[in-house]
Amino acid sequence: MSDRRDDLLRQAYAYALEHGLADLSLRPLAAAIGSSPRVLLFLFGSKDGLVRELLARARADQLALLERVRGGGLVEVAEAVWAWLAAPEHRALLTLWLEAYARSLVEPDGPWAGFARATVEDWLEVLRAAQPEGVRDTAAGLASRTRELALLRGALLDLLATGDGERVTAALRTSLTT
């Protein structure tokens, strides 16, 4: 990837974190990052190509988090994930993640294709690694990590909607199980 392309992708990602992707238009984006729509189309192939690149970048940031929280049991990993999710400095990334997740459900053939499913699989794999070896590949193990993921995702939706981290964190801590 060229330095110019890398730089424009980095700037476009910062723009998407601030403005979202729902109404992304190449003209305002290009103006904000010191480029032109024509250059963006040349470098990324299409608006959908750029959106796919931005989603890949968001997913890479998410995977970096998941790598940092590996180790410990299921509850410890879930608590570490929640601490990261609840941190105010991650709100823009999580809002972008939620937008992409929802869009992948209602526009399954667009640039969002597969985003929601892939993130579920990523998170379930991290939670799987936190389970005892004898439990990981059982139906009960899958059910347990699915429950923890559902709790985390539900809590995240509530937190993003209300900003009430104290209430949501307290509720989540009473629900996480071993």
Protein backbone atom coordinates (compact mmCIF):
# COMPACT_ATOMS: atom_id res chain seq x y z
CA MET A 1 0.00 0.00 0.00
CA SER A 2 1.35 3.44 -0.88
CA ASP A 3 2.17 5.99 1.79
CA ARG A 4 -0.46 8.34 0.34
CA ARG A 5 -3.12 5.62 0.41
CA ASP A 6 -2.17 4.69 3.99
CA ASP A 7 -2.33 8.32 5.05
CA LEU A 8 -5.71 8.91 3.40
CA LEU A 9 -7.10 5.72 4.94
CA ARG A 10 -5.90 6.82 8.37
CA GLN A 11 -7.52 10.23 7.93
CA ALA A 12 -10.72 8.73 6.51
CA TYR A 13 -10.89 6.41 9.51
CA ALA A 14 -10.57 9.36 11.90
CA TYR A 15 -13.31 11.11 9.91
CA ALA A 16 -15.56 8.01 10.10
CA LEU A 17 -15.01 7.76 13.85
CA GLU A 18 -16.24 11.31 14.22
CA HIS A 19 -19.02 11.35 11.60
CA GLY A 20 -20.03 7.71 11.14
CA LEU A 21 -20.53 5.85 7.90
CA ALA A 22 -24.29 6.03 7.40
CA ASP A 23 -24.27 9.21 5.33
CA LEU A 24 -20.69 9.02 4.11
CA SER A 25 -20.26 11.08 1.00
CA LEU A 26 -16.95 11.18 -0.85
CA ARG A 27 -17.01 14.91 -1.55
CA PRO A 28 -17.15 16.11 2.11
CA LEU A 29 -14.82 13.32 3.19
CA ALA A 30 -12.27 14.24 0.53
CA ALA A 31 -12.46 17.93 1.45
CA ALA A 32 -11.98 17.11 5.14
CA ILE A 33 -8.89 14.98 4.54
CA GLY A 34 -7.25 17.13 1.88
CA SER A 35 -7.96 14.95 -1.13
CA SER A 36 -10.50 14.71 -3.93
CA PRO A 37 -13.29 12.22 -4.65
CA ARG A 38 -11.44 11.21 -7.82
CA VAL A 39 -8.27 10.32 -5.87
CA LEU A 40 -10.28 8.32 -3.32
CA LEU A 41 -12.01 6.41 -6.12
CA PHE A 42 -8.66 5.74 -7.78
CA LEU A 43 -7.05 4.49 -4.57
CA PHE A 44 -9.98 2.47 -3.19
CA GLY A 45 -11.83 1.49 -6.37
CA SER A 46 -15.23 2.73 -5.21
CA LYS A 47 -17.03 4.18 -2.23
CA ASP A 48 -17.90 0.61 -1.20
CA GLY A 49 -14.21 -0.30 -1.45
CA LEU A 50 -13.34 2.55 0.89
CA VAL A 51 -16.09 1.53 3.32
CA ARG A 52 -14.77 -2.05 3.29
CA GLU A 53 -11.28 -0.74 4.10
CA LEU A 54 -12.66 1.39 6.95
CA LEU A 55 -14.55 -1.59 8.35
CA ALA A 56 -11.41 -3.71 8.12
CA ARG A 57 -9.56 -1.04 10.08
CA ALA A 58 -12.30 -0.98 12.75
CA ARG A 59 -12.20 -4.76 12.95
CA ALA A 60 -8.40 -4.70 13.28
CA ASP A 61 -8.74 -2.29 16.21
CA GLN A 62 -11.30 -4.64 17.77
CA LEU A 63 -9.03 -7.66 17.25
CA ALA A 64 -6.13 -5.80 18.86
CA LEU A 65 -8.31 -5.35 21.96
CA LEU A 66 -9.20 -9.02 21.98
CA GLU A 67 -5.54 -10.00 21.82
CA ARG A 68 -4.78 -7.81 24.86
CA VAL A 69 -7.44 -9.41 27.03
CA ARG A 70 -6.49 -13.04 26.38
CA GLY A 71 -5.55 -15.00 29.47
CA GLY A 72 -7.49 -15.73 32.59
CA GLY A 73 -10.85 -17.39 32.97
CA LEU A 74 -14.07 -16.59 31.20
CA VAL A 75 -15.29 -14.11 33.81
CA GLU A 76 -11.90 -12.36 34.00
CA VAL A 77 -11.74 -12.01 30.24
CA ALA A 78 -15.34 -10.75 30.09
CA GLU A 79 -14.54 -8.18 32.80
CA ALA A 80 -11.41 -7.05 30.93
CA VAL A 81 -13.40 -6.71 27.72
CA TRP A 82 -16.06 -4.71 29.56
CA ALA A 83 -13.46 -2.38 31.11
CA TRP A 84 -12.24 -1.61 27.60
CA LEU A 85 -15.76 -1.25 26.17
CA ALA A 86 -16.83 1.09 28.99
CA ALA A 87 -13.82 3.41 28.65
CA PRO A 88 -15.04 6.77 27.29
CA GLU A 89 -12.09 7.07 24.90
CA HIS A 90 -13.43 4.09 22.92
CA ARG A 91 -16.94 5.48 22.41
CA ALA A 92 -16.34 6.65 18.82
CA LEU A 93 -14.93 3.29 17.74
CA LEU A 94 -17.79 1.43 19.40
CA THR A 95 -20.39 3.67 17.83
CA LEU A 96 -18.80 3.00 14.44
CA TRP A 97 -18.71 -0.73 15.24
CA LEU A 98 -22.42 -0.68 16.16
CA GLU A 99 -23.32 1.17 12.99
CA ALA A 100 -21.41 -1.34 10.86
CA TYR A 101 -22.86 -4.28 12.79
CA ALA A 102 -26.42 -3.06 12.24
CA ARG A 103 -25.83 -2.19 8.59
CA SER A 104 -24.43 -5.66 7.93
CA LEU A 105 -27.75 -7.09 9.13
CA VAL A 106 -29.98 -4.90 6.96
CA GLU A 107 -27.68 -4.62 3.93
CA PRO A 108 -26.11 -8.09 3.80
CA ASP A 109 -24.83 -7.71 0.24
CA GLY A 110 -23.15 -4.32 0.56
CA PRO A 111 -19.70 -3.38 1.82
CA TRP A 112 -20.87 -4.39 5.28
CA ALA A 113 -21.37 -8.02 4.20
CA GLY A 114 -20.40 -10.46 6.91
CA PHE A 115 -19.23 -7.82 9.40
CA ALA A 116 -21.65 -8.80 12.19
CA ARG A 117 -21.05 -12.53 11.82
CA ALA A 118 -17.27 -12.07 11.75
CA THR A 119 -17.26 -9.98 14.92
CA VAL A 120 -19.42 -12.52 16.74
CA GLU A 121 -17.01 -15.27 15.71
CA ASP A 122 -13.98 -13.20 16.78
CA TRP A 123 -15.39 -12.51 20.21
CA LEU A 124 -16.61 -16.07 20.75
CA GLU A 125 -13.13 -17.35 19.95
CA VAL A 126 -11.55 -15.12 22.59
CA LEU A 127 -14.10 -16.26 25.14
CA ARG A 128 -13.54 -19.88 24.07
CA ALA A 129 -9.81 -19.55 24.76
CA ALA A 130 -10.66 -18.37 28.28
CA GLN A 131 -12.58 -21.53 29.08
CA PRO A 132 -11.02 -24.66 30.58
CA GLU A 133 -9.80 -27.03 27.89
CA GLY A 134 -12.33 -29.70 28.77
CA VAL A 135 -15.24 -27.27 28.36
CA ARG A 136 -14.23 -25.34 25.23
CA ASP A 137 -15.55 -27.73 22.64
CA THR A 138 -18.75 -28.77 24.38
CA ALA A 139 -22.30 -27.54 23.84
CA ALA A 140 -22.27 -26.20 27.40
CA GLY A 141 -19.05 -24.30 26.71
CA LEU A 142 -20.52 -22.71 23.60
CA ALA A 143 -23.70 -21.81 25.49
CA SER A 144 -21.70 -20.27 28.33
CA ARG A 145 -19.55 -18.07 26.12
CA THR A 146 -22.59 -17.11 24.02
CA ARG A 147 -24.32 -15.97 27.23
CA GLU A 148 -21.30 -13.88 28.25
CA LEU A 149 -21.09 -12.33 24.78
CA ALA A 150 -24.82 -11.54 24.82
CA LEU A 151 -24.42 -9.86 28.21
CA LEU A 152 -21.47 -7.79 26.99
CA ARG A 153 -23.22 -6.77 23.77
CA GLY A 154 -26.46 -5.90 25.56
CA ALA A 155 -24.59 -3.88 28.15
CA LEU A 156 -22.68 -2.10 25.38
CA LEU A 157 -25.91 -1.13 23.61
CA ASP A 158 -27.32 0.23 26.87
CA LEU A 159 -24.10 2.12 27.62
CA LEU A 160 -23.98 3.68 24.15
CA ALA A 161 -27.65 4.69 24.42
CA THR A 162 -27.52 6.17 27.91
CA GLY A 163 -23.90 6.88 28.81
CA ASP A 164 -24.66 5.52 32.28
CA GLY A 165 -21.50 3.50 32.80
CA GLU A 166 -21.91 3.11 36.54
CA ARG A 167 -25.38 1.56 36.31
CA VAL A 168 -24.56 -0.68 33.37
CA THR A 169 -21.27 -1.86 34.88
CA ALA A 170 -22.99 -2.73 38.17
CA ALA A 171 -25.66 -4.69 36.33
CA LEU A 172 -23.11 -6.51 34.20
CA ARG A 173 -21.02 -7.51 37.20
CA THR A 174 -24.03 -9.13 38.87
CA SER A 175 -24.71 -11.13 35.70
CA LEU A 176 -21.27 -12.47 34.74
CA THR A 177 -20.88 -16.07 35.78
CA THR A 178 -18.10 -18.61 35.99
